[in-house]
Amino acid sequence: MIQFFETYECKIDDKGRLKLPSSLVKHLENLGGNFVVKRSVFNTCLEVYPVKTWEQTIQTIGKVNRFKARNLEFIRKFTAGLKTVEIDKAERILISKDLKTFANLEKEVVVAGMIDYFEVWDKTAYEENIKTNEADFAQLTEEVMGDVNFDDDEK
């Protein structure tokens, strides 16, 4: 099972080369070393998918009726700017200029695991996004996880 759950602070240079931590690189290489980078739908960050995960995502999207204009618009926007990348010998991935601009990536970035993919954020934007008070997070946790029946997973 693919699992990304750690958060890393990294650096990106002016050419868009994102230096990844060695521990993440080892995990990524075990997944084949090729990845898809795309714009996030809900945030100003990037999503990086191992090809295997991306293929599952694209299979789901491929089931939508492409004879409906709204569906075509969704596919077009969902895949806008999408790039395939691989890890170079210096343990970096290249973020294209358009994707780097979209996510406002300058120097300091955060790589945040999202279970089967990871996000790449501008560090300041990431810190702002996760900022919350305890009561708000407790309420969010209850809303998202409160109806999950964990006993079903054990059967």
N, C-alpha and C. Protein backbone atom coordinates (compact mmCIF):
# COMPACT_ATOMS: atom_id res chain seq x y z
N MET A 1 0.85 -1.19 0.00
CA MET A 1 0.00 0.00 0.00
C MET A 1 0.88 1.24 0.00
N ILE A 2 0.52 2.21 -0.81
CA ILE A 2 1.25 3.47 -0.87
C ILE A 2 0.81 4.33 0.31
N GLN A 3 1.80 4.82 1.07
CA GLN A 3 1.45 5.69 2.19
C GLN A 3 2.46 6.82 2.32
N PHE A 4 1.93 8.02 2.27
CA PHE A 4 2.71 9.22 2.54
C PHE A 4 2.05 9.88 3.74
N PHE A 5 2.77 10.02 4.82
CA PHE A 5 2.17 10.62 6.00
C PHE A 5 3.09 11.62 6.69
N GLU A 6 4.30 11.76 6.26
CA GLU A 6 5.23 12.67 6.89
C GLU A 6 5.18 14.05 6.23
N THR A 7 5.71 15.03 6.96
CA THR A 7 5.82 16.39 6.45
C THR A 7 7.28 16.79 6.47
N TYR A 8 7.75 17.38 5.38
CA TYR A 8 9.16 17.76 5.25
C TYR A 8 9.26 19.23 4.84
N GLU A 9 10.27 19.90 5.34
CA GLU A 9 10.60 21.24 4.85
C GLU A 9 11.72 21.07 3.85
N CYS A 10 11.55 21.63 2.67
CA CYS A 10 12.50 21.46 1.57
C CYS A 10 12.78 22.81 0.92
N LYS A 11 13.65 22.76 -0.08
CA LYS A 11 13.99 23.97 -0.83
C LYS A 11 13.78 23.71 -2.31
N ILE A 12 13.40 24.79 -3.00
CA ILE A 12 13.25 24.74 -4.45
C ILE A 12 14.11 25.87 -5.01
N ASP A 13 14.82 25.61 -6.10
CA ASP A 13 15.65 26.67 -6.67
C ASP A 13 14.90 27.43 -7.76
N ASP A 14 15.55 28.44 -8.31
CA ASP A 14 14.92 29.29 -9.32
C ASP A 14 14.53 28.52 -10.58
N LYS A 15 15.22 27.43 -10.85
CA LYS A 15 14.92 26.62 -12.04
C LYS A 15 13.80 25.62 -11.78
N GLY A 16 13.29 25.56 -10.55
CA GLY A 16 12.19 24.66 -10.24
C GLY A 16 12.62 23.30 -9.76
N ARG A 17 13.89 23.14 -9.42
CA ARG A 17 14.36 21.85 -8.93
C ARG A 17 14.09 21.75 -7.43
N LEU A 18 13.23 20.81 -7.07
CA LEU A 18 12.83 20.61 -5.68
C LEU A 18 13.66 19.48 -5.08
N LYS A 19 14.48 19.84 -4.11
CA LYS A 19 15.34 18.86 -3.43
C LYS A 19 14.51 18.11 -2.40
N LEU A 20 14.42 16.80 -2.57
CA LEU A 20 13.64 15.96 -1.67
C LEU A 20 14.52 15.35 -0.59
N PRO A 21 13.97 15.10 0.59
CA PRO A 21 14.75 14.43 1.64
C PRO A 21 15.05 12.98 1.25
N SER A 22 16.21 12.49 1.65
CA SER A 22 16.64 11.14 1.28
C SER A 22 15.64 10.07 1.72
N SER A 23 15.04 10.22 2.89
CA SER A 23 14.09 9.21 3.36
C SER A 23 12.87 9.14 2.44
N LEU A 24 12.43 10.26 1.92
CA LEU A 24 11.31 10.28 0.99
C LEU A 24 11.73 9.70 -0.36
N VAL A 25 12.92 10.03 -0.80
CA VAL A 25 13.42 9.53 -2.09
C VAL A 25 13.45 8.00 -2.09
N LYS A 26 13.93 7.40 -1.01
CA LYS A 26 13.97 5.93 -0.93
C LYS A 26 12.58 5.34 -1.09
N HIS A 27 11.61 5.94 -0.42
CA HIS A 27 10.23 5.48 -0.52
C HIS A 27 9.72 5.65 -1.96
N LEU A 28 10.01 6.78 -2.56
CA LEU A 28 9.54 7.06 -3.92
C LEU A 28 10.18 6.13 -4.94
N GLU A 29 11.46 5.84 -4.77
CA GLU A 29 12.14 4.94 -5.71
C GLU A 29 11.54 3.54 -5.66
N ASN A 30 11.09 3.12 -4.47
CA ASN A 30 10.43 1.82 -4.34
C ASN A 30 9.10 1.79 -5.09
N LEU A 31 8.55 2.96 -5.37
CA LEU A 31 7.29 3.06 -6.11
C LEU A 31 7.50 3.22 -7.61
N GLY A 32 8.73 3.16 -8.05
CA GLY A 32 9.01 3.20 -9.48
C GLY A 32 9.72 4.45 -9.96
N GLY A 33 9.71 5.53 -9.19
CA GLY A 33 10.47 6.72 -9.54
C GLY A 33 9.83 7.68 -10.52
N ASN A 34 8.66 7.36 -11.09
CA ASN A 34 7.97 8.27 -11.99
C ASN A 34 6.70 8.77 -11.32
N PHE A 35 6.43 10.07 -11.50
CA PHE A 35 5.33 10.70 -10.78
C PHE A 35 4.61 11.69 -11.66
N VAL A 36 3.38 11.98 -11.28
CA VAL A 36 2.57 12.98 -11.95
C VAL A 36 2.42 14.15 -11.00
N VAL A 37 2.70 15.36 -11.49
CA VAL A 37 2.54 16.59 -10.70
C VAL A 37 1.41 17.38 -11.34
N LYS A 38 0.47 17.83 -10.49
CA LYS A 38 -0.67 18.59 -10.99
C LYS A 38 -1.07 19.66 -9.99
N ARG A 39 -1.89 20.58 -10.47
CA ARG A 39 -2.46 21.63 -9.61
C ARG A 39 -3.47 21.00 -8.67
N SER A 40 -3.52 21.48 -7.45
CA SER A 40 -4.55 21.04 -6.52
C SER A 40 -5.88 21.65 -6.92
N VAL A 41 -6.95 20.94 -6.65
CA VAL A 41 -8.29 21.45 -6.95
C VAL A 41 -8.73 22.46 -5.89
N PHE A 42 -8.42 22.18 -4.63
CA PHE A 42 -8.98 22.97 -3.54
C PHE A 42 -8.03 23.98 -2.91
N ASN A 43 -6.73 23.88 -3.19
CA ASN A 43 -5.75 24.76 -2.56
C ASN A 43 -4.72 25.23 -3.57
N THR A 44 -3.97 26.25 -3.19
CA THR A 44 -2.90 26.75 -4.05
C THR A 44 -1.62 25.99 -3.71
N CYS A 45 -1.62 24.73 -4.09
CA CYS A 45 -0.45 23.87 -3.90
C CYS A 45 -0.44 22.87 -5.04
N LEU A 46 0.56 22.01 -5.05
CA LEU A 46 0.67 20.98 -6.07
C LEU A 46 0.43 19.61 -5.45
N GLU A 47 -0.06 18.68 -6.25
CA GLU A 47 -0.23 17.30 -5.82
C GLU A 47 0.72 16.44 -6.65
N VAL A 48 1.42 15.53 -5.97
CA VAL A 48 2.37 14.64 -6.64
C VAL A 48 1.92 13.21 -6.39
N TYR A 49 1.59 12.51 -7.48
CA TYR A 49 1.07 11.16 -7.42
C TYR A 49 2.08 10.16 -7.98
N PRO A 50 2.31 9.04 -7.30
CA PRO A 50 3.02 7.94 -7.96
C PRO A 50 2.18 7.52 -9.17
N VAL A 51 2.81 7.07 -10.22
CA VAL A 51 2.09 6.72 -11.45
C VAL A 51 0.98 5.71 -11.15
N LYS A 52 1.24 4.74 -10.29
CA LYS A 52 0.23 3.72 -9.97
C LYS A 52 -1.03 4.37 -9.39
N THR A 53 -0.88 5.29 -8.46
CA THR A 53 -2.02 5.99 -7.88
C THR A 53 -2.71 6.84 -8.93
N TRP A 54 -1.93 7.51 -9.74
CA TRP A 54 -2.50 8.37 -10.78
C TRP A 54 -3.33 7.54 -11.76
N GLU A 55 -2.85 6.37 -12.13
CA GLU A 55 -3.59 5.52 -13.07
C GLU A 55 -4.96 5.15 -12.51
N GLN A 56 -5.04 4.91 -11.19
CA GLN A 56 -6.33 4.62 -10.57
C GLN A 56 -7.24 5.84 -10.63
N THR A 57 -6.67 7.01 -10.37
CA THR A 57 -7.45 8.25 -10.40
C THR A 57 -7.98 8.50 -11.81
N ILE A 58 -7.13 8.34 -12.78
CA ILE A 58 -7.52 8.64 -14.16
C ILE A 58 -8.54 7.60 -14.67
N GLN A 59 -8.48 6.37 -14.17
CA GLN A 59 -9.49 5.38 -14.55
C GLN A 59 -10.87 5.83 -14.06
N THR A 60 -10.93 6.36 -12.86
CA THR A 60 -12.20 6.86 -12.32
C THR A 60 -12.70 8.02 -13.16
N ILE A 61 -11.82 8.95 -13.47
CA ILE A 61 -12.22 10.12 -14.27
C ILE A 61 -12.63 9.69 -15.68
N GLY A 62 -11.98 8.67 -16.19
CA GLY A 62 -12.30 8.18 -17.54
C GLY A 62 -13.70 7.63 -17.68
N LYS A 63 -14.36 7.38 -16.56
CA LYS A 63 -15.72 6.83 -16.60
C LYS A 63 -16.79 7.90 -16.78
N VAL A 64 -16.42 9.17 -16.67
CA VAL A 64 -17.44 10.22 -16.83
C VAL A 64 -17.84 10.32 -18.30
N ASN A 65 -19.06 10.72 -18.52
CA ASN A 65 -19.61 10.84 -19.86
C ASN A 65 -18.98 12.06 -20.55
N ARG A 66 -18.19 11.81 -21.58
CA ARG A 66 -17.51 12.90 -22.28
C ARG A 66 -18.36 13.53 -23.37
N PHE A 67 -19.63 13.17 -23.39
CA PHE A 67 -20.56 13.84 -24.30
C PHE A 67 -21.34 14.93 -23.59
N LYS A 68 -20.88 15.27 -22.38
CA LYS A 68 -21.44 16.39 -21.62
C LYS A 68 -20.36 17.44 -21.49
N ALA A 69 -20.68 18.65 -21.91
CA ALA A 69 -19.70 19.74 -21.92
C ALA A 69 -19.09 19.99 -20.54
N ARG A 70 -19.89 19.95 -19.49
CA ARG A 70 -19.37 20.20 -18.13
C ARG A 70 -18.34 19.14 -17.74
N ASN A 71 -18.55 17.91 -18.15
CA ASN A 71 -17.59 16.86 -17.84
C ASN A 71 -16.26 17.10 -18.55
N LEU A 72 -16.33 17.53 -19.80
CA LEU A 72 -15.11 17.86 -20.54
C LEU A 72 -14.39 19.03 -19.90
N GLU A 73 -15.16 20.03 -19.47
CA GLU A 73 -14.57 21.18 -18.79
C GLU A 73 -13.86 20.74 -17.51
N PHE A 74 -14.50 19.84 -16.75
CA PHE A 74 -13.86 19.32 -15.53
C PHE A 74 -12.56 18.60 -15.85
N ILE A 75 -12.58 17.70 -16.82
CA ILE A 75 -11.36 16.95 -17.17
C ILE A 75 -10.26 17.90 -17.60
N ARG A 76 -10.59 18.86 -18.42
CA ARG A 76 -9.62 19.83 -18.91
C ARG A 76 -8.98 20.60 -17.75
N LYS A 77 -9.81 21.07 -16.83
CA LYS A 77 -9.29 21.84 -15.70
C LYS A 77 -8.56 20.96 -14.70
N PHE A 78 -9.04 19.75 -14.49
CA PHE A 78 -8.41 18.83 -13.54
C PHE A 78 -7.01 18.45 -13.99
N THR A 79 -6.81 18.33 -15.30
CA THR A 79 -5.51 17.92 -15.82
C THR A 79 -4.65 19.08 -16.32
N ALA A 80 -5.12 20.32 -16.15
CA ALA A 80 -4.38 21.49 -16.62
C ALA A 80 -3.00 21.55 -15.99
N GLY A 81 -2.00 21.69 -16.82
CA GLY A 81 -0.63 21.84 -16.34
C GLY A 81 0.04 20.56 -15.89
N LEU A 82 -0.66 19.46 -15.99
CA LEU A 82 -0.13 18.18 -15.51
C LEU A 82 1.20 17.83 -16.18
N LYS A 83 2.14 17.36 -15.37
CA LYS A 83 3.45 16.97 -15.89
C LYS A 83 3.86 15.64 -15.27
N THR A 84 4.60 14.84 -16.04
CA THR A 84 5.22 13.63 -15.52
C THR A 84 6.67 13.96 -15.19
N VAL A 85 7.12 13.55 -14.00
CA VAL A 85 8.49 13.84 -13.55
C VAL A 85 9.13 12.58 -13.00
N GLU A 86 10.44 12.64 -12.89
CA GLU A 86 11.18 11.56 -12.23
C GLU A 86 12.25 12.17 -11.35
N ILE A 87 12.73 11.39 -10.43
CA ILE A 87 13.77 11.85 -9.50
C ILE A 87 15.11 11.80 -10.22
N ASP A 88 15.88 12.91 -10.15
CA ASP A 88 17.20 12.91 -10.78
C ASP A 88 18.26 12.37 -9.81
N LYS A 89 19.50 12.30 -10.26
CA LYS A 89 20.59 11.74 -9.45
C LYS A 89 20.87 12.56 -8.20
N ALA A 90 20.48 13.83 -8.18
CA ALA A 90 20.69 14.69 -7.02
C ALA A 90 19.47 14.69 -6.09
N GLU A 91 18.58 13.73 -6.27
CA GLU A 91 17.39 13.56 -5.43
C GLU A 91 16.44 14.76 -5.53
N ARG A 92 16.24 15.22 -6.77
CA ARG A 92 15.35 16.35 -7.02
C ARG A 92 14.29 15.95 -8.04
N ILE A 93 13.16 16.67 -8.00
CA ILE A 93 12.20 16.59 -9.09
C ILE A 93 12.07 18.00 -9.66
N LEU A 94 11.80 18.06 -10.94
CA LEU A 94 11.68 19.35 -11.62
C LEU A 94 10.22 19.78 -11.65
N ILE A 95 9.95 20.93 -11.06
CA ILE A 95 8.62 21.52 -11.08
C ILE A 95 8.61 22.55 -12.21
N SER A 96 7.74 22.37 -13.17
CA SER A 96 7.69 23.27 -14.32
C SER A 96 7.34 24.69 -13.88
N LYS A 97 7.71 25.65 -14.71
CA LYS A 97 7.50 27.06 -14.38
C LYS A 97 6.03 27.38 -14.13
N ASP A 98 5.14 26.83 -14.96
CA ASP A 98 3.71 27.14 -14.78
C ASP A 98 3.18 26.58 -13.46
N LEU A 99 3.61 25.39 -13.08
CA LEU A 99 3.15 24.82 -11.81
C LEU A 99 3.79 25.53 -10.62
N LYS A 100 5.04 25.90 -10.77
CA LYS A 100 5.74 26.65 -9.72
C LYS A 100 5.04 28.00 -9.48
N THR A 101 4.65 28.65 -10.56
CA THR A 101 3.93 29.92 -10.46
C THR A 101 2.56 29.72 -9.82
N PHE A 102 1.83 28.69 -10.25
CA PHE A 102 0.50 28.42 -9.70
C PHE A 102 0.54 28.29 -8.18
N ALA A 103 1.53 27.55 -7.66
CA ALA A 103 1.61 27.28 -6.22
C ALA A 103 2.42 28.33 -5.46
N ASN A 104 2.87 29.37 -6.15
CA ASN A 104 3.67 30.44 -5.53
C ASN A 104 4.91 29.89 -4.81
N LEU A 105 5.59 28.96 -5.44
CA LEU A 105 6.77 28.35 -4.83
C LEU A 105 7.98 29.22 -5.09
N GLU A 106 8.64 29.66 -4.04
CA GLU A 106 9.83 30.51 -4.15
C GLU A 106 11.08 29.77 -3.71
N LYS A 107 11.33 29.70 -2.42
CA LYS A 107 12.53 29.04 -1.89
C LYS A 107 12.17 27.94 -0.90
N GLU A 108 11.42 28.33 0.15
CA GLU A 108 11.06 27.42 1.23
C GLU A 108 9.72 26.76 0.90
N VAL A 109 9.72 25.42 0.86
CA VAL A 109 8.50 24.69 0.57
C VAL A 109 8.27 23.61 1.62
N VAL A 110 7.06 23.13 1.67
CA VAL A 110 6.70 22.02 2.54
C VAL A 110 6.15 20.91 1.66
N VAL A 111 6.64 19.70 1.90
CA VAL A 111 6.12 18.50 1.26
C VAL A 111 5.31 17.78 2.33
N ALA A 112 4.01 17.62 2.10
CA ALA A 112 3.11 17.06 3.10
C ALA A 112 2.42 15.82 2.56
N GLY A 113 2.59 14.71 3.27
CA GLY A 113 1.96 13.46 2.88
C GLY A 113 0.45 13.52 2.99
N MET A 114 -0.23 12.94 2.01
CA MET A 114 -1.70 12.92 1.98
C MET A 114 -2.20 11.49 1.72
N ILE A 115 -1.57 10.54 2.30
CA ILE A 115 -1.85 9.11 2.26
C ILE A 115 -1.36 8.47 0.97
N ASP A 116 -2.03 8.69 -0.18
CA ASP A 116 -1.57 8.03 -1.40
C ASP A 116 -0.95 8.99 -2.41
N TYR A 117 -0.75 10.23 -2.00
CA TYR A 117 0.00 11.22 -2.78
C TYR A 117 0.56 12.23 -1.79
N PHE A 118 1.36 13.17 -2.28
CA PHE A 118 1.81 14.23 -1.37
C PHE A 118 1.63 15.58 -2.04
N GLU A 119 1.53 16.60 -1.19
CA GLU A 119 1.36 17.97 -1.66
C GLU A 119 2.67 18.73 -1.53
N VAL A 120 2.84 19.72 -2.39
CA VAL A 120 3.98 20.63 -2.32
C VAL A 120 3.40 22.03 -2.16
N TRP A 121 3.76 22.67 -1.05
CA TRP A 121 3.24 23.98 -0.67
C TRP A 121 4.35 25.00 -0.50
N ASP A 122 4.05 26.26 -0.76
CA ASP A 122 4.88 27.34 -0.25
C ASP A 122 4.80 27.24 1.27
N LYS A 123 5.93 27.36 1.95
CA LYS A 123 5.96 27.14 3.40
C LYS A 123 5.00 28.07 4.15
N THR A 124 4.99 29.34 3.82
CA THR A 124 4.11 30.29 4.51
C THR A 124 2.65 29.94 4.27
N ALA A 125 2.29 29.59 3.05
CA ALA A 125 0.91 29.23 2.72
C ALA A 125 0.49 27.97 3.47
N TYR A 126 1.40 27.01 3.58
CA TYR A 126 1.10 25.78 4.30
C TYR A 126 0.82 26.07 5.77
N GLU A 127 1.69 26.85 6.38
CA GLU A 127 1.52 27.19 7.80
C GLU A 127 0.19 27.91 8.02
N GLU A 128 -0.17 28.78 7.11
CA GLU A 128 -1.44 29.49 7.22
C GLU A 128 -2.62 28.52 7.07
N ASN A 129 -2.49 27.57 6.14
CA ASN A 129 -3.56 26.62 5.87
C ASN A 129 -3.84 25.71 7.06
N ILE A 130 -2.80 25.27 7.74
CA ILE A 130 -3.01 24.32 8.85
C ILE A 130 -3.28 25.01 10.18
N LYS A 131 -3.15 26.34 10.20
CA LYS A 131 -3.37 27.07 11.43
C LYS A 131 -4.84 26.95 11.84
N THR A 132 -5.07 26.55 13.07
CA THR A 132 -6.42 26.41 13.59
C THR A 132 -6.37 26.41 15.10
N ASN A 133 -7.50 26.66 15.72
CA ASN A 133 -7.52 26.52 17.17
C ASN A 133 -8.04 25.13 17.52
N GLU A 134 -7.82 24.71 18.75
CA GLU A 134 -8.17 23.35 19.16
C GLU A 134 -9.65 23.04 19.00
N ALA A 135 -10.51 23.99 19.33
CA ALA A 135 -11.95 23.75 19.23
C ALA A 135 -12.38 23.53 17.78
N ASP A 136 -11.83 24.34 16.84
CA ASP A 136 -12.17 24.16 15.43
C ASP A 136 -11.70 22.81 14.92
N PHE A 137 -10.50 22.40 15.32
CA PHE A 137 -9.98 21.11 14.86
C PHE A 137 -10.78 19.96 15.47
N ALA A 138 -11.17 20.09 16.72
CA ALA A 138 -11.99 19.06 17.36
C ALA A 138 -13.32 18.91 16.62
N GLN A 139 -13.93 20.02 16.24
CA GLN A 139 -15.20 19.98 15.52
C GLN A 139 -15.00 19.35 14.14
N LEU A 140 -13.95 19.73 13.44
CA LEU A 140 -13.65 19.15 12.13
C LEU A 140 -13.44 17.64 12.25
N THR A 141 -12.69 17.23 13.26
CA THR A 141 -12.44 15.80 13.47
C THR A 141 -13.74 15.04 13.68
N GLU A 142 -14.61 15.60 14.49
CA GLU A 142 -15.90 14.95 14.74
C GLU A 142 -16.73 14.86 13.47
N GLU A 143 -16.76 15.94 12.68
CA GLU A 143 -17.55 15.95 11.44
C GLU A 143 -17.03 14.92 10.44
N VAL A 144 -15.71 14.82 10.30
CA VAL A 144 -15.13 13.93 9.30
C VAL A 144 -15.09 12.48 9.78
N MET A 145 -14.70 12.27 11.03
CA MET A 145 -14.46 10.92 11.51
C MET A 145 -15.56 10.37 12.42
N GLY A 146 -16.48 11.22 12.85
CA GLY A 146 -17.48 10.82 13.84
C GLY A 146 -18.42 9.72 13.42
N ASP A 147 -18.68 9.56 12.13
CA ASP A 147 -19.60 8.53 11.66
C ASP A 147 -18.90 7.30 11.11
N VAL A 148 -17.57 7.27 11.19
CA VAL A 148 -16.82 6.13 10.68
C VAL A 148 -16.98 4.97 11.66
N ASN A 149 -17.36 3.81 11.14
CA ASN A 149 -17.48 2.62 11.98
C ASN A 149 -16.19 1.83 11.82
N PHE A 150 -15.30 1.96 12.77
CA PHE A 150 -13.99 1.32 12.69
C PHE A 150 -14.07 -0.19 12.80
N ASP A 151 -15.15 -0.73 13.37
CA ASP A 151 -15.31 -2.17 13.48
C ASP A 151 -15.45 -2.84 12.13
N ASP A 152 -16.01 -2.12 11.15
CA ASP A 152 -16.18 -2.67 9.81
C ASP A 152 -14.86 -3.00 9.14
N ASP A 153 -13.79 -2.27 9.49
CA ASP A 153 -12.48 -2.49 8.87
C ASP A 153 -11.85 -3.80 9.32
N GLU A 154 -12.27 -4.32 10.45
CA GLU A 154 -11.65 -5.52 11.00
C GLU A 154 -12.30 -6.81 10.49
N LYS A 155 -13.41 -6.71 9.80
CA LYS A 155 -14.14 -7.91 9.36
C LYS A 155 -13.59 -8.46 8.06
